[in-house]
Every structure is written in structure tokens, then in C-alpha cells.
Amino acid sequence: MSQGANVEDLDVFRYMKAALIKFRQTAEIAMVNADAQISRTLHWLEGEQITYWQNQIRKRQEMVARCKEAIRQKQIFKDASGRTPSTFQEEKQLQAAMRALEEAEVKLASTKRYIPILQKEIEAYRGGVQSLGGVLTTEIPKAIAMLERLSQSLDEYVNLASSAAGPPGETGDRTLPPGQMQRGGESADEAQPGDQQESKGEEDVAG
């Protein structure tokens, strides 16, 4: 026995379709932005940061050399009293310059060390989101199309049910049982007595 569809909200599939479309757009934008940010970071490390710390190492090496030369000059030349001048300030400057040079060397080494690590993580990330990309480009469009078909089918079902119900106040099935025939809107069993007498008189005249 067929049963009618229990539909409480005809717009439910339209709501779901709109939600899927919005999710797909948001996810695609997020993936594009994330990929762009990853690429910028990698290029920044491989290009700008490597170049920056290489230049810093060169400049700080020059500073160390100048500090050492200042100390050497004071050790060579004596002052007016014939004594060797103090190199205390120059020694402090040399220590600071050497610490700065060491920092730049550590930064350059760390940058070079983390570039391949980042490249490996990028590959892992892109492999992980590849399935999501497939869902966004294949599965969600299929789901959207299916929801569209379901929505159209529901509309057709509601229109068909409305047509079958007929105008308001009209009764249901008017088909009569076998053996009954309609005559002027009445069945043969419901004919009036006057009609039966008239029929009988016509038979006597014919006889």
C-alpha cells in the first residue's frame, strides 16, 4: 500500500543546497589563502631571509675586524707618557661585535636547517587537503545537484497532490458500484415512482 511523503518543510532541501554552496566557497577561499601564505613563507625563507643574514654576517665580520684593529693600534702606539693606553673600551666593543656575529651565523644556520623541514611539512599538508579538494570539486557539486532534483520532485509531488484533492468542498471518489448507472445525476435504483408509471404506460401502448 502506497503512502504519502511526510514532508514538513518544502524548503529544507533549498536550505541544505545553499549551505553546501556557501561551505564550498568558504573552504575553497580558505585553501587558496592558506596555500598562498605557505608559498610566501617558503619564498621569504629561501630568498629574503637567507640573503639578509648572509649580509649581516659580512657586516658583522667587518665590525669585528675593526674592533680588533683598534685594539692592535692601541697596543702598538704608546701615549705621550710612554705607557700603553688602556684597551678596555675596545675590548667591550669587540665582545659585543663577536656576539652579534655569532647571532647572525646562528640565524643563517637555523634558516637553512628549517627550509627543508618546512618543505616536508608543506608536502604533508597538501597531501592531507587533497581529499578535501576532491570533495569540494566533485562530491559537493554532486550533492548540490541531488538536492536540486529532490527539491524539484517535491514541488511536483505537492502540485500533483493539490490537483488530486480537487476544489475545496468537493467529495472524493464518485465512481458507482457495478450494476448502477447514472441518469440525470441519479442512479436507476433511485428513480421516482412517477417515472416508473410513465414507463409502464409506454409499454402498454407499444403492446
N, C-alpha and C. Protein backbone atom coordinates (compact mmCIF):
# COMPACT_ATOMS: atom_id res chain seq x y z
N MET A 1 0.85 -1.19 0.00
CA MET A 1 0.00 0.00 0.00
C MET A 1 0.89 1.24 0.00
N SER A 2 0.66 2.12 -0.98
CA SER A 2 1.50 3.32 -1.08
C SER A 2 1.13 4.32 0.01
N GLN A 3 2.11 5.07 0.45
CA GLN A 3 1.91 6.07 1.48
C GLN A 3 2.40 7.41 0.97
N GLY A 4 1.81 8.48 1.46
CA GLY A 4 2.25 9.81 1.08
C GLY A 4 3.55 10.18 1.76
N ALA A 5 4.26 11.13 1.17
CA ALA A 5 5.52 11.58 1.77
C ALA A 5 5.24 12.49 2.96
N ASN A 6 5.95 12.24 4.04
CA ASN A 6 5.78 13.06 5.24
C ASN A 6 6.74 14.25 5.17
N VAL A 7 6.31 15.29 4.51
CA VAL A 7 7.14 16.47 4.28
C VAL A 7 6.65 17.60 5.17
N GLU A 8 7.49 18.07 6.06
CA GLU A 8 7.10 19.13 6.97
C GLU A 8 7.59 20.50 6.50
N ASP A 9 8.66 20.55 5.71
CA ASP A 9 9.21 21.83 5.25
C ASP A 9 9.68 21.65 3.81
N LEU A 10 8.99 22.27 2.88
CA LEU A 10 9.32 22.12 1.47
C LEU A 10 10.65 22.79 1.12
N ASP A 11 11.14 23.69 1.96
CA ASP A 11 12.37 24.42 1.67
C ASP A 11 13.61 23.78 2.27
N VAL A 12 13.48 22.62 2.91
CA VAL A 12 14.62 22.03 3.61
C VAL A 12 15.76 21.73 2.65
N PHE A 13 15.44 21.23 1.46
CA PHE A 13 16.50 20.91 0.51
C PHE A 13 17.13 22.18 -0.07
N ARG A 14 16.34 23.23 -0.19
CA ARG A 14 16.91 24.50 -0.65
C ARG A 14 17.88 25.07 0.38
N TYR A 15 17.51 24.95 1.67
CA TYR A 15 18.41 25.42 2.73
C TYR A 15 19.72 24.64 2.71
N MET A 16 19.60 23.32 2.57
CA MET A 16 20.81 22.48 2.53
C MET A 16 21.67 22.81 1.33
N LYS A 17 21.03 23.01 0.19
CA LYS A 17 21.78 23.37 -1.03
C LYS A 17 22.53 24.67 -0.83
N ALA A 18 21.86 25.69 -0.27
CA ALA A 18 22.51 26.98 -0.04
C ALA A 18 23.67 26.84 0.94
N ALA A 19 23.49 26.01 1.98
CA ALA A 19 24.56 25.81 2.97
C ALA A 19 25.77 25.12 2.34
N LEU A 20 25.53 24.14 1.47
CA LEU A 20 26.64 23.45 0.81
C LEU A 20 27.38 24.39 -0.13
N ILE A 21 26.65 25.22 -0.86
CA ILE A 21 27.29 26.17 -1.76
C ILE A 21 28.18 27.14 -0.98
N LYS A 22 27.65 27.65 0.15
CA LYS A 22 28.42 28.58 0.97
C LYS A 22 29.65 27.90 1.56
N PHE A 23 29.49 26.66 2.04
CA PHE A 23 30.63 25.93 2.58
C PHE A 23 31.71 25.72 1.53
N ARG A 24 31.29 25.34 0.34
CA ARG A 24 32.25 25.11 -0.73
C ARG A 24 33.03 26.38 -1.05
N GLN A 25 32.33 27.50 -1.18
CA GLN A 25 33.01 28.76 -1.48
C GLN A 25 33.97 29.16 -0.37
N THR A 26 33.53 29.03 0.90
CA THR A 26 34.38 29.40 2.03
C THR A 26 35.61 28.51 2.11
N ALA A 27 35.41 27.20 1.93
CA ALA A 27 36.53 26.26 2.01
C ALA A 27 37.53 26.49 0.88
N GLU A 28 37.04 26.75 -0.32
CA GLU A 28 37.94 26.99 -1.45
C GLU A 28 38.77 28.26 -1.23
N ILE A 29 38.13 29.31 -0.72
CA ILE A 29 38.87 30.55 -0.44
C ILE A 29 39.92 30.32 0.64
N ALA A 30 39.55 29.57 1.69
CA ALA A 30 40.49 29.29 2.78
C ALA A 30 41.68 28.48 2.28
N MET A 31 41.43 27.49 1.42
CA MET A 31 42.53 26.68 0.89
C MET A 31 43.45 27.50 0.00
N VAL A 32 42.88 28.36 -0.81
CA VAL A 32 43.70 29.21 -1.69
C VAL A 32 44.56 30.16 -0.86
N ASN A 33 43.95 30.78 0.16
CA ASN A 33 44.70 31.70 1.02
C ASN A 33 45.80 30.98 1.79
N ALA A 34 45.49 29.79 2.31
CA ALA A 34 46.50 29.03 3.05
C ALA A 34 47.67 28.64 2.15
N ASP A 35 47.37 28.20 0.94
CA ASP A 35 48.43 27.81 0.02
C ASP A 35 49.29 29.01 -0.37
N ALA A 36 48.64 30.16 -0.56
CA ALA A 36 49.40 31.37 -0.90
C ALA A 36 50.30 31.79 0.26
N GLN A 37 49.79 31.70 1.49
CA GLN A 37 50.58 32.07 2.67
C GLN A 37 51.78 31.12 2.84
N ILE A 38 51.55 29.86 2.60
CA ILE A 38 52.64 28.87 2.69
C ILE A 38 53.72 29.19 1.67
N SER A 39 53.31 29.46 0.44
CA SER A 39 54.28 29.75 -0.62
C SER A 39 55.07 31.02 -0.31
N ARG A 40 54.38 32.05 0.21
CA ARG A 40 55.08 33.29 0.56
C ARG A 40 56.11 33.06 1.66
N THR A 41 55.73 32.26 2.66
CA THR A 41 56.66 31.99 3.77
C THR A 41 57.89 31.24 3.29
N LEU A 42 57.69 30.25 2.43
CA LEU A 42 58.82 29.47 1.91
C LEU A 42 59.73 30.35 1.07
N HIS A 43 59.15 31.17 0.20
CA HIS A 43 59.96 32.05 -0.63
C HIS A 43 60.71 33.09 0.22
N TRP A 44 60.06 33.54 1.30
CA TRP A 44 60.69 34.50 2.20
C TRP A 44 61.92 33.89 2.87
N LEU A 45 61.79 32.65 3.32
CA LEU A 45 62.93 31.98 3.95
C LEU A 45 64.04 31.71 2.95
N GLU A 46 63.67 31.17 1.78
CA GLU A 46 64.68 30.79 0.78
C GLU A 46 65.37 32.01 0.16
N GLY A 47 64.66 33.12 0.07
CA GLY A 47 65.22 34.28 -0.60
C GLY A 47 65.63 35.38 0.36
N GLU A 48 64.66 36.08 0.90
CA GLU A 48 64.94 37.27 1.69
C GLU A 48 65.74 36.97 2.96
N GLN A 49 65.33 35.95 3.70
CA GLN A 49 66.00 35.67 4.97
C GLN A 49 67.43 35.17 4.78
N ILE A 50 67.63 34.30 3.82
CA ILE A 50 68.99 33.81 3.53
C ILE A 50 69.90 34.98 3.16
N THR A 51 69.41 35.82 2.25
CA THR A 51 70.20 36.97 1.80
C THR A 51 70.46 37.94 2.96
N TYR A 52 69.42 38.18 3.77
CA TYR A 52 69.57 39.13 4.88
C TYR A 52 70.66 38.69 5.85
N TRP A 53 70.62 37.45 6.29
CA TRP A 53 71.60 37.00 7.29
C TRP A 53 72.99 36.83 6.70
N GLN A 54 73.08 36.52 5.42
CA GLN A 54 74.39 36.49 4.78
C GLN A 54 75.01 37.89 4.78
N ASN A 55 74.20 38.91 4.48
CA ASN A 55 74.69 40.29 4.50
C ASN A 55 75.06 40.72 5.93
N GLN A 56 74.24 40.30 6.91
CA GLN A 56 74.53 40.64 8.29
C GLN A 56 75.85 40.01 8.76
N ILE A 57 76.10 38.80 8.33
CA ILE A 57 77.36 38.14 8.71
C ILE A 57 78.55 38.91 8.14
N ARG A 58 78.43 39.32 6.89
CA ARG A 58 79.52 40.08 6.29
C ARG A 58 79.76 41.40 7.02
N LYS A 59 78.68 42.12 7.32
CA LYS A 59 78.82 43.41 8.02
C LYS A 59 79.38 43.23 9.42
N ARG A 60 78.94 42.20 10.11
CA ARG A 60 79.40 42.00 11.49
C ARG A 60 80.83 41.47 11.53
N GLN A 61 81.22 40.77 10.51
CA GLN A 61 82.64 40.36 10.42
C GLN A 61 83.52 41.60 10.25
N GLU A 62 83.03 42.53 9.46
CA GLU A 62 83.80 43.77 9.28
C GLU A 62 83.89 44.54 10.60
N MET A 63 82.81 44.55 11.37
CA MET A 63 82.84 45.22 12.67
C MET A 63 83.83 44.55 13.61
N VAL A 64 83.86 43.26 13.63
CA VAL A 64 84.81 42.54 14.47
C VAL A 64 86.25 42.89 14.06
N ALA A 65 86.46 42.94 12.76
CA ALA A 65 87.80 43.27 12.27
C ALA A 65 88.20 44.68 12.69
N ARG A 66 87.29 45.63 12.62
CA ARG A 66 87.61 47.00 13.03
C ARG A 66 87.92 47.08 14.52
N CYS A 67 87.16 46.34 15.33
CA CYS A 67 87.42 46.35 16.78
C CYS A 67 88.79 45.74 17.08
N LYS A 68 89.14 44.71 16.40
CA LYS A 68 90.44 44.08 16.62
C LYS A 68 91.58 45.03 16.19
N GLU A 69 91.35 45.73 15.10
CA GLU A 69 92.36 46.67 14.63
C GLU A 69 92.53 47.83 15.62
N ALA A 70 91.44 48.29 16.22
CA ALA A 70 91.52 49.37 17.20
C ALA A 70 92.32 48.92 18.41
N ILE A 71 92.14 47.70 18.82
CA ILE A 71 92.92 47.17 19.95
C ILE A 71 94.40 47.07 19.57
N ARG A 72 94.67 46.60 18.36
CA ARG A 72 96.06 46.45 17.92
C ARG A 72 96.77 47.80 17.85
N GLN A 73 96.05 48.81 17.37
CA GLN A 73 96.66 50.14 17.27
C GLN A 73 97.03 50.68 18.65
N LYS A 74 96.18 50.47 19.62
CA LYS A 74 96.50 50.95 20.97
C LYS A 74 97.65 50.17 21.58
N GLN A 75 97.77 48.93 21.22
CA GLN A 75 98.86 48.12 21.78
C GLN A 75 100.21 48.46 21.14
N ILE A 76 100.16 48.96 19.91
CA ILE A 76 101.40 49.30 19.22
C ILE A 76 101.93 50.67 19.64
N PHE A 77 101.04 51.63 19.63
CA PHE A 77 101.47 53.01 19.89
C PHE A 77 101.26 53.37 21.35
N LYS A 78 102.26 53.99 21.91
CA LYS A 78 102.21 54.42 23.31
C LYS A 78 101.75 55.87 23.37
N ASP A 79 101.27 56.25 24.51
CA ASP A 79 100.81 57.64 24.68
C ASP A 79 102.00 58.56 24.98
N ALA A 80 101.73 59.82 25.28
CA ALA A 80 102.80 60.81 25.49
C ALA A 80 103.69 60.47 26.69
N SER A 81 103.10 59.75 27.63
CA SER A 81 103.89 59.39 28.83
C SER A 81 104.70 58.12 28.60
N GLY A 82 104.58 57.53 27.43
CA GLY A 82 105.33 56.32 27.13
C GLY A 82 104.66 55.05 27.60
N ARG A 83 103.42 55.17 28.06
CA ARG A 83 102.70 53.99 28.52
C ARG A 83 101.75 53.48 27.43
N THR A 84 101.41 52.20 27.51
CA THR A 84 100.45 51.62 26.57
C THR A 84 99.04 51.99 27.01
N PRO A 85 98.24 52.60 26.13
CA PRO A 85 96.89 53.02 26.51
C PRO A 85 96.01 51.82 26.85
N SER A 86 95.00 52.06 27.66
CA SER A 86 94.05 51.01 28.03
C SER A 86 93.17 50.65 26.83
N THR A 87 92.91 49.40 26.69
CA THR A 87 92.04 48.92 25.60
C THR A 87 90.71 48.39 26.15
N PHE A 88 90.34 48.86 27.33
CA PHE A 88 89.13 48.34 27.98
C PHE A 88 87.89 48.57 27.12
N GLN A 89 87.68 49.79 26.63
CA GLN A 89 86.51 50.10 25.83
C GLN A 89 86.52 49.31 24.51
N GLU A 90 87.69 49.24 23.90
CA GLU A 90 87.80 48.50 22.64
C GLU A 90 87.51 47.01 22.83
N GLU A 91 87.92 46.47 23.97
CA GLU A 91 87.64 45.06 24.27
C GLU A 91 86.13 44.83 24.42
N LYS A 92 85.45 45.75 25.08
CA LYS A 92 84.00 45.64 25.23
C LYS A 92 83.31 45.69 23.87
N GLN A 93 83.77 46.60 23.02
CA GLN A 93 83.18 46.71 21.69
C GLN A 93 83.44 45.44 20.86
N LEU A 94 84.62 44.87 21.04
CA LEU A 94 84.95 43.64 20.32
C LEU A 94 84.05 42.49 20.77
N GLN A 95 83.82 42.36 22.08
CA GLN A 95 82.96 41.29 22.59
C GLN A 95 81.53 41.44 22.06
N ALA A 96 81.03 42.68 22.03
CA ALA A 96 79.68 42.91 21.51
C ALA A 96 79.60 42.58 20.02
N ALA A 97 80.63 42.95 19.29
CA ALA A 97 80.65 42.66 17.85
C ALA A 97 80.72 41.16 17.59
N MET A 98 81.48 40.44 18.40
CA MET A 98 81.58 38.99 18.23
C MET A 98 80.26 38.29 18.58
N ARG A 99 79.54 38.80 19.60
CA ARG A 99 78.23 38.22 19.93
C ARG A 99 77.23 38.47 18.79
N ALA A 100 77.29 39.65 18.22
CA ALA A 100 76.39 39.96 17.11
C ALA A 100 76.69 39.07 15.90
N LEU A 101 77.99 38.85 15.65
CA LEU A 101 78.38 37.97 14.54
C LEU A 101 77.90 36.54 14.80
N GLU A 102 78.05 36.07 16.01
CA GLU A 102 77.59 34.71 16.34
C GLU A 102 76.08 34.58 16.17
N GLU A 103 75.35 35.62 16.56
CA GLU A 103 73.89 35.59 16.39
C GLU A 103 73.52 35.45 14.92
N ALA A 104 74.16 36.23 14.06
CA ALA A 104 73.86 36.17 12.63
C ALA A 104 74.19 34.80 12.05
N GLU A 105 75.29 34.21 12.49
CA GLU A 105 75.66 32.89 11.99
C GLU A 105 74.64 31.83 12.43
N VAL A 106 74.15 31.95 13.68
CA VAL A 106 73.13 31.01 14.17
C VAL A 106 71.83 31.18 13.39
N LYS A 107 71.45 32.43 13.14
CA LYS A 107 70.21 32.69 12.40
C LYS A 107 70.28 32.12 10.99
N LEU A 108 71.41 32.30 10.33
CA LEU A 108 71.57 31.77 8.98
C LEU A 108 71.52 30.24 8.98
N ALA A 109 72.19 29.63 9.94
CA ALA A 109 72.19 28.17 10.02
C ALA A 109 70.78 27.65 10.31
N SER A 110 70.04 28.33 11.20
CA SER A 110 68.67 27.90 11.52
C SER A 110 67.76 28.04 10.32
N THR A 111 67.92 29.12 9.58
CA THR A 111 67.09 29.32 8.39
C THR A 111 67.33 28.21 7.38
N LYS A 112 68.57 27.90 7.15
CA LYS A 112 68.90 26.83 6.19
C LYS A 112 68.40 25.47 6.70
N ARG A 113 68.46 25.26 8.00
CA ARG A 113 68.03 23.98 8.56
C ARG A 113 66.51 23.80 8.48
N TYR A 114 65.78 24.88 8.68
CA TYR A 114 64.31 24.76 8.72
C TYR A 114 63.65 24.83 7.35
N ILE A 115 64.36 25.25 6.33
CA ILE A 115 63.76 25.28 5.00
C ILE A 115 63.34 23.89 4.54
N PRO A 116 64.20 22.87 4.59
CA PRO A 116 63.74 21.52 4.18
C PRO A 116 62.66 20.96 5.10
N ILE A 117 62.70 21.33 6.38
CA ILE A 117 61.65 20.87 7.30
C ILE A 117 60.31 21.46 6.87
N LEU A 118 60.32 22.75 6.56
CA LEU A 118 59.08 23.40 6.11
C LEU A 118 58.60 22.80 4.78
N GLN A 119 59.52 22.53 3.88
CA GLN A 119 59.13 21.92 2.61
C GLN A 119 58.46 20.57 2.82
N LYS A 120 58.97 19.79 3.76
CA LYS A 120 58.37 18.49 4.05
C LYS A 120 56.97 18.66 4.65
N GLU A 121 56.82 19.62 5.55
CA GLU A 121 55.51 19.87 6.15
C GLU A 121 54.51 20.38 5.12
N ILE A 122 54.98 21.18 4.17
CA ILE A 122 54.10 21.66 3.12
C ILE A 122 53.59 20.51 2.27
N GLU A 123 54.47 19.58 1.94
CA GLU A 123 54.05 18.41 1.17
C GLU A 123 53.03 17.59 1.93
N ALA A 124 53.24 17.43 3.25
CA ALA A 124 52.29 16.68 4.07
C ALA A 124 50.94 17.39 4.12
N TYR A 125 50.98 18.69 4.26
CA TYR A 125 49.72 19.47 4.31
C TYR A 125 48.96 19.34 3.00
N ARG A 126 49.64 19.54 1.89
CA ARG A 126 48.97 19.48 0.60
C ARG A 126 48.43 18.08 0.32
N GLY A 127 49.14 17.07 0.76
CA GLY A 127 48.61 15.71 0.61
C GLY A 127 47.37 15.49 1.47
N GLY A 128 47.37 16.12 2.65
CA GLY A 128 46.22 15.96 3.54
C GLY A 128 44.97 16.65 3.05
N VAL A 129 45.12 17.83 2.44
CA VAL A 129 43.95 18.58 1.97
C VAL A 129 43.55 18.19 0.55
N GLN A 130 44.31 17.30 -0.06
CA GLN A 130 43.97 16.89 -1.42
C GLN A 130 42.60 16.22 -1.46
N SER A 131 42.31 15.38 -0.44
CA SER A 131 41.00 14.73 -0.39
C SER A 131 39.88 15.75 -0.22
N LEU A 132 40.13 16.79 0.59
CA LEU A 132 39.13 17.85 0.75
C LEU A 132 38.91 18.57 -0.57
N GLY A 133 39.97 18.80 -1.31
CA GLY A 133 39.83 19.43 -2.62
C GLY A 133 38.97 18.60 -3.55
N GLY A 134 39.14 17.26 -3.49
CA GLY A 134 38.30 16.38 -4.29
C GLY A 134 36.85 16.46 -3.91
N VAL A 135 36.59 16.56 -2.60
CA VAL A 135 35.21 16.70 -2.13
C VAL A 135 34.60 18.01 -2.64
N LEU A 136 35.38 19.08 -2.58
CA LEU A 136 34.86 20.39 -2.99
C LEU A 136 34.58 20.45 -4.48
N THR A 137 35.40 19.79 -5.28
CA THR A 137 35.25 19.89 -6.73
C THR A 137 34.37 18.80 -7.32
N THR A 138 34.16 17.70 -6.60
CA THR A 138 33.40 16.58 -7.16
C THR A 138 32.18 16.22 -6.33
N GLU A 139 32.39 15.90 -5.06
CA GLU A 139 31.30 15.36 -4.24
C GLU A 139 30.24 16.41 -3.92
N ILE A 140 30.68 17.60 -3.54
CA ILE A 140 29.69 18.63 -3.18
C ILE A 140 28.86 19.05 -4.39
N PRO A 141 29.43 19.24 -5.59
CA PRO A 141 28.56 19.50 -6.74
C PRO A 141 27.55 18.39 -7.00
N LYS A 142 27.96 17.14 -6.78
CA LYS A 142 27.01 16.04 -6.93
C LYS A 142 25.88 16.15 -5.91
N ALA A 143 26.25 16.47 -4.67
CA ALA A 143 25.23 16.61 -3.62
C ALA A 143 24.29 17.77 -3.92
N ILE A 144 24.84 18.87 -4.43
CA ILE A 144 24.01 20.02 -4.78
C ILE A 144 23.01 19.66 -5.88
N ALA A 145 23.50 18.93 -6.89
CA ALA A 145 22.61 18.50 -7.98
C ALA A 145 21.53 17.56 -7.46
N MET A 146 21.89 16.66 -6.54
CA MET A 146 20.91 15.74 -5.98
C MET A 146 19.84 16.49 -5.20
N LEU A 147 20.26 17.48 -4.39
CA LEU A 147 19.30 18.28 -3.64
C LEU A 147 18.39 19.07 -4.56
N GLU A 148 18.92 19.54 -5.67
CA GLU A 148 18.09 20.25 -6.65
C GLU A 148 17.03 19.33 -7.23
N ARG A 149 17.43 18.09 -7.55
CA ARG A 149 16.46 17.14 -8.07
C ARG A 149 15.39 16.80 -7.03
N LEU A 150 15.82 16.61 -5.80
CA LEU A 150 14.86 16.31 -4.74
C LEU A 150 13.89 17.47 -4.53
N SER A 151 14.38 18.67 -4.60
CA SER A 151 13.52 19.84 -4.43
C SER A 151 12.49 19.91 -5.55
N GLN A 152 12.94 19.66 -6.79
CA GLN A 152 12.00 19.66 -7.91
C GLN A 152 10.98 18.55 -7.79
N SER A 153 11.42 17.37 -7.35
CA SER A 153 10.49 16.26 -7.18
C SER A 153 9.44 16.58 -6.13
N LEU A 154 9.86 17.23 -5.05
CA LEU A 154 8.89 17.60 -4.01
C LEU A 154 7.88 18.61 -4.54
N ASP A 155 8.35 19.57 -5.32
CA ASP A 155 7.42 20.54 -5.90
C ASP A 155 6.41 19.84 -6.79
N GLU A 156 6.88 18.91 -7.62
CA GLU A 156 5.96 18.17 -8.48
C GLU A 156 4.99 17.34 -7.67
N TYR A 157 5.49 16.73 -6.58
CA TYR A 157 4.62 15.91 -5.72
C TYR A 157 3.53 16.76 -5.08
N VAL A 158 3.91 17.94 -4.59
CA VAL A 158 2.92 18.81 -3.94
C VAL A 158 1.89 19.29 -4.95
N ASN A 159 2.34 19.65 -6.15
CA ASN A 159 1.41 20.10 -7.17
C ASN A 159 0.45 18.99 -7.58
N LEU A 160 0.99 17.76 -7.68
CA LEU A 160 0.15 16.62 -8.05
C LEU A 160 -0.87 16.32 -6.95
N ALA A 161 -0.45 16.39 -5.70
CA ALA A 161 -1.36 16.13 -4.59
C ALA A 161 -2.45 17.19 -4.53
N SER A 162 -2.10 18.43 -4.81
CA SER A 162 -3.09 19.50 -4.80
C SER A 162 -4.11 19.31 -5.90
N SER A 163 -3.66 18.88 -7.10
CA SER A 163 -4.58 18.65 -8.21
C SER A 163 -5.51 17.49 -7.92
N ALA A 164 -5.02 16.41 -7.29
CA ALA A 164 -5.83 15.25 -6.99
C ALA A 164 -6.88 15.56 -5.93
N ALA A 165 -6.61 16.48 -5.03
CA ALA A 165 -7.57 16.82 -3.98
C ALA A 165 -8.79 17.53 -4.54
N GLY A 166 -8.69 18.22 -5.68
CA GLY A 166 -9.82 18.89 -6.28
C GLY A 166 -10.12 20.19 -5.59
N PRO A 167 -11.20 20.91 -6.09
CA PRO A 167 -11.57 22.19 -5.47
C PRO A 167 -12.04 21.99 -4.05
N PRO A 168 -11.96 22.99 -3.21
CA PRO A 168 -12.41 22.88 -1.81
C PRO A 168 -13.89 22.53 -1.73
N GLY A 169 -14.27 21.58 -0.89
CA GLY A 169 -15.66 21.18 -0.67
C GLY A 169 -16.13 20.05 -1.55
N GLU A 170 -15.33 19.68 -2.55
CA GLU A 170 -15.72 18.59 -3.45
C GLU A 170 -15.46 17.26 -2.78
N THR A 171 -16.39 16.30 -2.98
CA THR A 171 -16.25 14.98 -2.37
C THR A 171 -15.19 14.20 -3.10
N GLY A 172 -14.91 13.05 -2.57
CA GLY A 172 -13.86 12.23 -3.14
C GLY A 172 -14.33 11.43 -4.33
N ASP A 173 -14.13 10.12 -4.30
CA ASP A 173 -14.41 9.24 -5.43
C ASP A 173 -15.91 9.16 -5.66
N ARG A 174 -16.35 9.43 -6.91
CA ARG A 174 -17.76 9.38 -7.26
C ARG A 174 -18.08 8.15 -8.10
N THR A 175 -17.23 7.22 -8.25
CA THR A 175 -17.49 6.04 -9.05
C THR A 175 -18.53 5.16 -8.36
N LEU A 176 -19.53 4.74 -9.10
CA LEU A 176 -20.61 3.93 -8.54
C LEU A 176 -20.26 2.47 -8.60
N PRO A 177 -20.91 1.65 -7.73
CA PRO A 177 -20.66 0.22 -7.78
C PRO A 177 -21.18 -0.37 -9.07
N PRO A 178 -20.72 -1.58 -9.48
CA PRO A 178 -21.20 -2.23 -10.69
C PRO A 178 -22.71 -2.45 -10.62
N GLY A 179 -23.41 -2.33 -11.76
CA GLY A 179 -24.85 -2.54 -11.82
C GLY A 179 -25.65 -1.28 -11.68
N GLN A 180 -24.99 -0.19 -11.27
CA GLN A 180 -25.67 1.09 -11.13
C GLN A 180 -25.27 2.00 -12.28
N MET A 181 -26.17 2.75 -12.79
CA MET A 181 -25.91 3.68 -13.88
C MET A 181 -26.48 5.02 -13.50
N GLN A 182 -25.88 6.04 -13.90
CA GLN A 182 -26.35 7.39 -13.62
C GLN A 182 -27.31 7.85 -14.70
N ARG A 183 -28.33 8.54 -14.26
CA ARG A 183 -29.29 9.10 -15.21
C ARG A 183 -29.69 10.48 -14.71
N GLY A 184 -29.26 11.44 -15.40
CA GLY A 184 -29.57 12.80 -14.99
C GLY A 184 -29.10 13.10 -13.59
N GLY A 185 -27.99 12.49 -13.19
CA GLY A 185 -27.44 12.74 -11.87
C GLY A 185 -28.03 11.82 -10.82
N GLU A 186 -28.92 10.86 -11.18
CA GLU A 186 -29.50 9.92 -10.23
C GLU A 186 -29.24 8.52 -10.72
N SER A 187 -29.15 7.56 -9.81
CA SER A 187 -28.97 6.16 -10.18
C SER A 187 -30.30 5.55 -10.53
N ALA A 188 -30.28 4.40 -11.24
CA ALA A 188 -31.52 3.71 -11.63
C ALA A 188 -32.29 3.26 -10.43
N ASP A 189 -31.64 2.89 -9.35
CA ASP A 189 -32.33 2.42 -8.15
C ASP A 189 -33.03 3.55 -7.45
N GLU A 190 -32.63 4.82 -7.76
CA GLU A 190 -33.19 5.97 -7.07
C GLU A 190 -34.25 6.67 -7.91
N ALA A 191 -34.77 6.00 -9.00
CA ALA A 191 -35.79 6.62 -9.87
C ALA A 191 -37.07 6.84 -9.10
N GLN A 192 -37.81 7.94 -9.41
CA GLN A 192 -39.03 8.30 -8.73
C GLN A 192 -40.20 7.43 -9.20
N PRO A 193 -41.23 7.19 -8.32
CA PRO A 193 -42.40 6.36 -8.70
C PRO A 193 -43.08 6.87 -9.94
N GLY A 194 -43.22 8.16 -10.14
CA GLY A 194 -43.87 8.70 -11.33
C GLY A 194 -43.19 8.28 -12.59
N ASP A 195 -41.89 8.21 -12.54
CA ASP A 195 -41.12 7.79 -13.70
C ASP A 195 -41.41 6.36 -14.04
N GLN A 196 -41.60 5.47 -13.00
CA GLN A 196 -41.86 4.06 -13.23
C GLN A 196 -43.23 3.87 -13.88
N GLN A 197 -44.28 4.65 -13.44
CA GLN A 197 -45.62 4.54 -14.01
C GLN A 197 -45.60 4.98 -15.46
N GLU A 198 -44.90 6.05 -15.77
CA GLU A 198 -44.82 6.52 -17.14
C GLU A 198 -44.21 5.50 -18.04
N SER A 199 -43.20 4.81 -17.54
CA SER A 199 -42.55 3.76 -18.33
C SER A 199 -43.48 2.61 -18.61
N LYS A 200 -44.35 2.23 -17.61
CA LYS A 200 -45.28 1.14 -17.77
C LYS A 200 -46.33 1.47 -18.83
N GLY A 201 -46.84 2.76 -18.82
CA GLY A 201 -47.84 3.16 -19.81
C GLY A 201 -47.29 3.08 -21.21
N GLU A 202 -46.06 3.41 -21.40
CA GLU A 202 -45.45 3.35 -22.71
C GLU A 202 -45.36 1.91 -23.19
N GLU A 203 -45.13 0.97 -22.27
CA GLU A 203 -45.09 -0.43 -22.67
C GLU A 203 -46.45 -0.93 -23.11
N ASP A 204 -47.63 -0.51 -22.42
CA ASP A 204 -48.96 -0.93 -22.82
C ASP A 204 -49.32 -0.43 -24.19
N VAL A 205 -49.01 0.80 -24.51
CA VAL A 205 -49.29 1.35 -25.85
C VAL A 205 -48.51 0.60 -26.90
N ALA A 206 -47.30 0.28 -26.61
CA ALA A 206 -46.49 -0.46 -27.58
C ALA A 206 -47.09 -1.84 -27.82
N GLY A 207 -47.71 -2.47 -26.78
CA GLY A 207 -48.30 -3.80 -26.94
C GLY A 207 -49.55 -3.75 -27.77
